[in-house]
């Protein structure tokens, strides 16, 4: 009898316990930090001005790919990119192109910055707003 009473009492107490709260749903995509180049600028489309004044466009994608086009929109290089040792590094898949890493300055008020390759002249980079 004592055993039956004890089982009944435990069952009654268990029934009085509040339901556990549901875990909040977390949207990993919304919580994920934006993908950035080494200086913290978000990936996207950039106008690039070379030291000699020639211009082009670089598209840096969150999936680790990139492409470079000349001022006329002609594709001149593409490949993969990554931040390595505090530098933004590009590894082209385009034949005849060499891998390069750039040290970047902090972005100015307009978002532009200077990117200096390990070898060669610095370039000016300016984000192009998405339309």
N, C-alpha and C. Protein backbone atom coordinates (compact mmCIF):
# COMPACT_ATOMS: atom_id res chain seq x y z
N UNK A 1 0.82 -1.17 0.00
CA UNK A 1 0.00 0.00 0.00
C UNK A 1 0.87 1.25 0.00
N UNK A 2 1.89 1.23 0.86
CA UNK A 2 2.79 2.38 0.90
C UNK A 2 3.41 2.59 -0.47
N UNK A 3 3.77 1.50 -1.15
CA UNK A 3 4.39 1.59 -2.47
C UNK A 3 3.41 2.21 -3.46
N UNK A 4 2.16 1.82 -3.45
CA UNK A 4 1.15 2.36 -4.34
C UNK A 4 0.95 3.84 -4.07
N UNK A 5 0.91 4.21 -2.79
CA UNK A 5 0.76 5.61 -2.42
C UNK A 5 1.96 6.43 -2.91
N UNK A 6 3.14 5.88 -2.77
CA UNK A 6 4.36 6.57 -3.19
C UNK A 6 4.36 6.75 -4.71
N UNK A 7 4.00 5.75 -5.49
CA UNK A 7 3.95 5.83 -6.94
C UNK A 7 2.90 6.87 -7.34
N UNK A 8 1.77 6.86 -6.66
CA UNK A 8 0.71 7.81 -6.95
C UNK A 8 1.16 9.23 -6.65
N UNK A 9 1.86 9.42 -5.56
CA UNK A 9 2.34 10.74 -5.17
C UNK A 9 3.38 11.25 -6.18
N UNK A 10 4.30 10.39 -6.61
CA UNK A 10 5.31 10.77 -7.59
C UNK A 10 4.64 11.13 -8.91
N UNK A 11 3.63 10.34 -9.31
CA UNK A 11 2.90 10.63 -10.54
C UNK A 11 2.19 11.97 -10.46
N UNK A 12 1.59 12.27 -9.32
CA UNK A 12 0.88 13.54 -9.13
C UNK A 12 1.86 14.70 -9.18
N UNK A 13 2.99 14.58 -8.53
CA UNK A 13 4.00 15.64 -8.55
C UNK A 13 4.53 15.86 -9.96
N UNK A 14 4.74 14.79 -10.69
CA UNK A 14 5.24 14.90 -12.07
C UNK A 14 4.22 15.62 -12.93
N UNK A 15 2.96 15.35 -12.70
CA UNK A 15 1.90 16.00 -13.49
C UNK A 15 1.83 17.49 -13.21
N UNK A 16 2.27 17.92 -12.04
CA UNK A 16 2.22 19.34 -11.67
C UNK A 16 3.40 20.13 -12.21
N UNK A 17 4.39 19.45 -12.71
CA UNK A 17 5.57 20.14 -13.22
C UNK A 17 5.20 20.93 -14.47
N UNK A 18 5.68 22.17 -14.58
CA UNK A 18 5.39 22.95 -15.78
C UNK A 18 6.08 22.34 -16.99
N UNK A 19 5.48 22.55 -18.16
CA UNK A 19 6.07 22.08 -19.41
C UNK A 19 7.37 22.85 -19.65
N UNK A 20 8.41 22.18 -20.11
CA UNK A 20 9.65 22.92 -20.40
C UNK A 20 9.40 23.92 -21.53
N UNK A 21 10.02 25.06 -21.40
CA UNK A 21 9.88 26.10 -22.42
C UNK A 21 10.50 25.62 -23.72
N UNK A 22 9.89 26.00 -24.84
CA UNK A 22 10.45 25.64 -26.13
C UNK A 22 11.71 26.44 -26.38
N UNK A 23 12.66 25.78 -26.99
CA UNK A 23 13.90 26.46 -27.34
C UNK A 23 13.61 27.50 -28.42
N UNK A 24 14.17 28.69 -28.30
CA UNK A 24 13.95 29.68 -29.36
C UNK A 24 14.59 29.22 -30.66
N UNK A 25 13.94 29.53 -31.76
CA UNK A 25 14.46 29.19 -33.07
C UNK A 25 15.50 30.23 -33.44
N UNK A 26 16.70 29.78 -33.77
CA UNK A 26 17.78 30.68 -34.13
C UNK A 26 18.04 30.56 -35.62
N UNK A 27 17.99 31.66 -36.31
CA UNK A 27 18.28 31.69 -37.74
C UNK A 27 19.78 31.92 -37.89
N UNK A 28 20.52 30.83 -38.17
CA UNK A 28 21.97 30.93 -38.26
C UNK A 28 22.41 31.94 -39.31
N UNK A 29 21.68 32.04 -40.41
CA UNK A 29 22.07 32.98 -41.46
C UNK A 29 21.96 34.41 -40.96
N UNK A 30 20.93 34.71 -40.18
CA UNK A 30 20.75 36.08 -39.69
C UNK A 30 21.79 36.41 -38.63
N UNK A 31 22.22 35.41 -37.88
CA UNK A 31 23.17 35.64 -36.81
C UNK A 31 24.62 35.61 -37.28
N UNK A 32 24.86 35.06 -38.46
CA UNK A 32 26.23 34.93 -38.96
C UNK A 32 26.81 36.31 -39.27
N UNK A 33 28.06 36.46 -38.95
CA UNK A 33 28.75 37.71 -39.24
C UNK A 33 28.92 37.84 -40.75
N UNK A 34 28.90 39.07 -41.25
CA UNK A 34 29.10 39.24 -42.69
C UNK A 34 30.51 38.80 -43.10
N UNK A 35 30.63 38.31 -44.30
CA UNK A 35 31.93 37.92 -44.84
C UNK A 35 32.66 39.20 -45.24
N UNK A 36 33.90 39.34 -44.81
CA UNK A 36 34.67 40.55 -45.08
C UNK A 36 36.05 40.23 -45.62
N UNK A 37 36.66 41.23 -46.26
CA UNK A 37 38.06 41.13 -46.63
C UNK A 37 38.88 41.41 -45.37
N UNK A 38 40.18 41.39 -45.46
CA UNK A 38 41.05 41.47 -44.29
C UNK A 38 40.83 42.72 -43.43
N UNK A 39 40.49 43.86 -44.05
CA UNK A 39 40.34 45.08 -43.25
C UNK A 39 38.92 45.26 -42.71
N UNK A 40 38.07 44.26 -42.87
CA UNK A 40 36.73 44.31 -42.30
C UNK A 40 35.65 44.84 -43.22
N UNK A 41 35.99 45.21 -44.43
CA UNK A 41 35.00 45.69 -45.40
C UNK A 41 34.22 44.49 -45.93
N UNK A 42 32.89 44.56 -45.93
CA UNK A 42 32.10 43.44 -46.46
C UNK A 42 32.39 43.18 -47.94
N UNK A 43 32.30 41.91 -48.32
CA UNK A 43 32.50 41.54 -49.72
C UNK A 43 31.44 42.21 -50.59
N UNK A 44 31.72 42.29 -51.87
CA UNK A 44 30.79 42.91 -52.80
C UNK A 44 31.51 43.30 -54.08
N UNK A 45 31.03 44.38 -54.70
CA UNK A 45 31.60 44.86 -55.95
C UNK A 45 32.40 46.12 -55.66
N UNK A 46 33.60 46.19 -56.26
CA UNK A 46 34.52 47.29 -55.97
C UNK A 46 35.06 47.90 -57.27
N UNK A 47 35.16 49.22 -57.29
CA UNK A 47 35.88 49.91 -58.37
C UNK A 47 37.34 49.95 -57.93
N UNK A 48 38.23 49.58 -58.85
CA UNK A 48 39.65 49.52 -58.54
C UNK A 48 40.39 50.46 -59.49
N UNK A 49 41.23 51.33 -58.90
CA UNK A 49 42.05 52.23 -59.70
C UNK A 49 43.50 51.86 -59.47
N UNK A 50 44.18 51.48 -60.56
CA UNK A 50 45.59 51.11 -60.47
C UNK A 50 46.47 52.35 -60.38
N UNK A 51 47.72 52.15 -60.00
CA UNK A 51 48.66 53.26 -59.85
C UNK A 51 48.83 54.05 -61.14
N UNK A 52 48.67 53.39 -62.30
CA UNK A 52 48.83 54.08 -63.58
C UNK A 52 47.54 54.77 -64.05
N UNK A 53 46.50 54.70 -63.21
CA UNK A 53 45.24 55.36 -63.54
C UNK A 53 44.21 54.48 -64.22
N UNK A 54 44.60 53.30 -64.68
CA UNK A 54 43.62 52.42 -65.30
C UNK A 54 42.63 51.93 -64.24
N UNK A 55 41.42 51.69 -64.71
CA UNK A 55 40.37 51.29 -63.78
C UNK A 55 39.76 49.95 -64.16
N UNK A 56 39.14 49.34 -63.20
CA UNK A 56 38.46 48.08 -63.42
C UNK A 56 37.50 47.82 -62.29
N UNK A 57 36.93 46.63 -62.30
CA UNK A 57 35.96 46.23 -61.28
C UNK A 57 36.34 44.86 -60.75
N UNK A 58 36.27 44.73 -59.45
CA UNK A 58 36.50 43.43 -58.81
C UNK A 58 35.23 43.07 -58.05
N UNK A 59 34.78 41.84 -58.25
CA UNK A 59 33.64 41.31 -57.50
C UNK A 59 34.17 40.23 -56.58
N UNK A 60 34.01 40.45 -55.27
CA UNK A 60 34.45 39.49 -54.27
C UNK A 60 33.20 38.88 -53.65
N UNK A 61 33.05 37.58 -53.80
CA UNK A 61 31.84 36.88 -53.36
C UNK A 61 32.04 36.18 -52.02
N UNK A 62 30.96 36.06 -51.27
CA UNK A 62 30.99 35.42 -49.96
C UNK A 62 31.34 33.94 -50.05
N UNK A 63 31.18 33.33 -51.22
CA UNK A 63 31.48 31.91 -51.38
C UNK A 63 32.97 31.63 -51.62
N UNK A 64 33.81 32.70 -51.54
CA UNK A 64 35.25 32.51 -51.71
C UNK A 64 35.74 32.64 -53.14
N UNK A 65 34.89 33.11 -54.05
CA UNK A 65 35.30 33.33 -55.43
C UNK A 65 35.38 34.82 -55.72
N UNK A 66 36.08 35.17 -56.80
CA UNK A 66 36.18 36.56 -57.22
C UNK A 66 36.33 36.62 -58.73
N UNK A 67 36.12 37.82 -59.27
CA UNK A 67 36.39 38.07 -60.69
C UNK A 67 36.84 39.51 -60.85
N UNK A 68 37.75 39.73 -61.79
CA UNK A 68 38.24 41.07 -62.14
C UNK A 68 37.87 41.35 -63.58
N UNK A 69 37.36 42.55 -63.83
CA UNK A 69 37.01 42.98 -65.19
C UNK A 69 37.69 44.31 -65.47
N UNK A 70 37.97 44.56 -66.75
CA UNK A 70 38.56 45.85 -67.11
C UNK A 70 37.46 46.91 -67.19
N UNK A 71 37.83 48.14 -67.56
CA UNK A 71 36.88 49.26 -67.60
C UNK A 71 35.75 49.02 -68.60
N UNK A 72 35.98 48.17 -69.59
CA UNK A 72 34.95 47.86 -70.58
C UNK A 72 34.07 46.67 -70.17
N UNK A 73 34.34 46.10 -69.00
CA UNK A 73 33.55 44.97 -68.52
C UNK A 73 34.06 43.61 -68.97
N UNK A 74 35.20 43.57 -69.65
CA UNK A 74 35.77 42.31 -70.13
C UNK A 74 36.43 41.58 -68.95
N UNK A 75 36.07 40.31 -68.77
CA UNK A 75 36.66 39.49 -67.70
C UNK A 75 38.15 39.31 -67.97
N UNK A 76 38.97 39.66 -66.98
CA UNK A 76 40.41 39.48 -67.15
C UNK A 76 41.01 38.44 -66.20
N UNK A 77 40.26 38.15 -65.10
CA UNK A 77 40.78 37.18 -64.15
C UNK A 77 39.66 36.72 -63.24
N UNK A 78 39.75 35.46 -62.82
CA UNK A 78 38.81 34.94 -61.82
C UNK A 78 39.51 33.85 -61.03
N UNK A 79 38.93 33.52 -59.88
CA UNK A 79 39.54 32.50 -59.05
C UNK A 79 38.93 32.49 -57.66
N UNK A 80 39.76 32.15 -56.67
CA UNK A 80 39.29 32.10 -55.29
C UNK A 80 40.08 33.10 -54.45
N UNK A 81 39.47 33.48 -53.33
CA UNK A 81 40.12 34.42 -52.43
C UNK A 81 39.95 33.94 -50.99
N UNK A 82 40.83 34.43 -50.12
CA UNK A 82 40.75 34.11 -48.69
C UNK A 82 41.57 35.13 -47.92
N UNK A 83 41.25 35.28 -46.65
CA UNK A 83 42.08 36.11 -45.77
C UNK A 83 43.12 35.19 -45.16
N UNK A 84 44.40 35.53 -45.37
CA UNK A 84 45.51 34.72 -44.90
C UNK A 84 46.51 35.63 -44.19
N UNK A 85 46.78 35.35 -42.93
CA UNK A 85 47.75 36.13 -42.15
C UNK A 85 47.46 37.63 -42.21
N UNK A 86 46.18 38.00 -42.11
CA UNK A 86 45.80 39.41 -42.08
C UNK A 86 45.82 40.10 -43.43
N UNK A 87 45.96 39.34 -44.50
CA UNK A 87 45.96 39.91 -45.86
C UNK A 87 44.85 39.26 -46.66
N UNK A 88 44.35 40.00 -47.67
CA UNK A 88 43.38 39.42 -48.59
C UNK A 88 44.17 38.86 -49.76
N UNK A 89 44.04 37.55 -49.97
CA UNK A 89 44.83 36.85 -50.99
C UNK A 89 43.93 36.29 -52.09
N UNK A 90 44.38 36.47 -53.33
CA UNK A 90 43.64 36.02 -54.50
C UNK A 90 44.45 34.94 -55.23
N UNK A 91 43.80 33.83 -55.53
CA UNK A 91 44.44 32.74 -56.26
C UNK A 91 43.66 32.54 -57.55
N UNK A 92 44.20 33.04 -58.66
CA UNK A 92 43.47 32.95 -59.93
C UNK A 92 43.45 31.55 -60.52
N UNK A 93 42.36 31.26 -61.22
CA UNK A 93 42.27 30.05 -62.02
C UNK A 93 42.50 30.41 -63.49
N UNK A 94 42.64 31.69 -63.78
CA UNK A 94 42.89 32.17 -65.13
C UNK A 94 44.35 31.89 -65.49
N UNK A 95 44.55 31.25 -66.63
CA UNK A 95 45.90 30.90 -67.06
C UNK A 95 46.76 32.15 -67.21
N UNK A 96 48.01 32.04 -66.75
CA UNK A 96 48.97 33.13 -66.89
C UNK A 96 48.91 34.16 -65.78
N UNK A 97 48.00 34.01 -64.84
CA UNK A 97 47.88 34.97 -63.73
C UNK A 97 48.50 34.35 -62.48
N UNK A 98 49.08 35.21 -61.65
CA UNK A 98 49.76 34.75 -60.44
C UNK A 98 48.97 35.12 -59.19
N UNK A 99 49.10 34.31 -58.16
CA UNK A 99 48.46 34.60 -56.88
C UNK A 99 49.08 35.85 -56.27
N UNK A 100 48.23 36.65 -55.60
CA UNK A 100 48.70 37.88 -54.96
C UNK A 100 47.98 38.07 -53.64
N UNK A 101 48.71 38.61 -52.66
CA UNK A 101 48.12 38.99 -51.37
C UNK A 101 48.27 40.49 -51.19
N UNK A 102 47.25 41.11 -50.59
CA UNK A 102 47.22 42.55 -50.42
C UNK A 102 47.05 42.91 -48.94
N UNK A 103 47.82 43.89 -48.50
CA UNK A 103 47.63 44.50 -47.19
C UNK A 103 46.75 45.71 -47.41
N UNK A 104 45.68 45.83 -46.64
CA UNK A 104 44.70 46.89 -46.85
C UNK A 104 44.71 47.88 -45.70
N UNK A 105 44.52 49.16 -46.07
CA UNK A 105 44.37 50.19 -45.04
C UNK A 105 42.94 50.12 -44.50
N UNK A 106 42.72 50.79 -43.39
CA UNK A 106 41.36 50.92 -42.86
C UNK A 106 40.53 51.73 -43.86
N UNK A 107 39.25 51.41 -44.00
CA UNK A 107 38.43 52.17 -44.95
C UNK A 107 38.18 53.60 -44.47
N UNK A 108 38.13 54.52 -45.45
CA UNK A 108 37.80 55.91 -45.15
C UNK A 108 36.30 56.06 -44.97
N UNK A 109 35.86 57.29 -44.78
CA UNK A 109 34.43 57.56 -44.57
C UNK A 109 33.57 57.08 -45.74
N UNK A 110 34.11 57.15 -46.95
CA UNK A 110 33.35 56.70 -48.13
C UNK A 110 33.52 55.20 -48.39
N UNK A 111 34.25 54.50 -47.51
CA UNK A 111 34.46 53.06 -47.66
C UNK A 111 35.67 52.68 -48.47
N UNK A 112 36.31 53.68 -49.12
CA UNK A 112 37.47 53.36 -49.96
C UNK A 112 38.71 53.09 -49.10
N UNK A 113 39.62 52.33 -49.69
CA UNK A 113 40.86 52.00 -49.00
C UNK A 113 41.95 51.72 -50.01
N UNK A 114 43.19 51.65 -49.53
CA UNK A 114 44.33 51.32 -50.38
C UNK A 114 44.71 49.87 -50.11
N UNK A 115 44.95 49.13 -51.19
CA UNK A 115 45.38 47.74 -51.09
C UNK A 115 46.77 47.65 -51.72
N UNK A 116 47.75 47.25 -50.92
CA UNK A 116 49.12 47.17 -51.38
C UNK A 116 49.53 45.71 -51.52
N UNK A 117 49.90 45.29 -52.75
CA UNK A 117 50.31 43.90 -52.94
C UNK A 117 51.68 43.65 -52.33
N UNK A 118 51.98 42.38 -52.08
CA UNK A 118 53.30 42.03 -51.57
C UNK A 118 54.38 42.52 -52.52
N UNK A 119 54.10 42.50 -53.82
CA UNK A 119 55.02 43.02 -54.84
C UNK A 119 54.20 43.87 -55.79
N UNK A 120 54.64 45.09 -56.04
CA UNK A 120 53.93 45.94 -56.99
C UNK A 120 53.38 47.19 -56.34
N UNK A 121 52.65 47.95 -57.15
CA UNK A 121 52.12 49.24 -56.71
C UNK A 121 50.76 49.09 -56.05
N UNK A 122 50.48 49.97 -55.08
CA UNK A 122 49.18 49.95 -54.43
C UNK A 122 48.05 50.32 -55.40
N UNK A 123 46.85 49.86 -55.07
CA UNK A 123 45.66 50.21 -55.83
C UNK A 123 44.65 50.86 -54.88
N UNK A 124 43.80 51.69 -55.42
CA UNK A 124 42.72 52.30 -54.64
C UNK A 124 41.46 51.50 -54.89
N UNK A 125 40.78 51.13 -53.83
CA UNK A 125 39.60 50.29 -53.93
C UNK A 125 38.42 51.05 -53.31
N UNK A 126 37.31 51.07 -54.05
CA UNK A 126 36.11 51.77 -53.57
C UNK A 126 34.90 50.86 -53.75
N UNK A 127 34.18 50.60 -52.64
CA UNK A 127 32.97 49.78 -52.78
C UNK A 127 31.95 50.45 -53.70
N UNK A 128 31.29 49.65 -54.50
CA UNK A 128 30.21 50.14 -55.36
C UNK A 128 28.91 49.66 -54.71
N UNK A 129 28.04 50.59 -54.37
CA UNK A 129 26.78 50.24 -53.72
C UNK A 129 25.94 49.35 -54.63
N UNK A 130 25.33 48.34 -54.01
CA UNK A 130 24.44 47.44 -54.76
C UNK A 130 23.21 48.22 -55.19
N UNK A 131 22.77 47.97 -56.41
CA UNK A 131 21.59 48.70 -56.89
C UNK A 131 20.38 47.84 -56.93
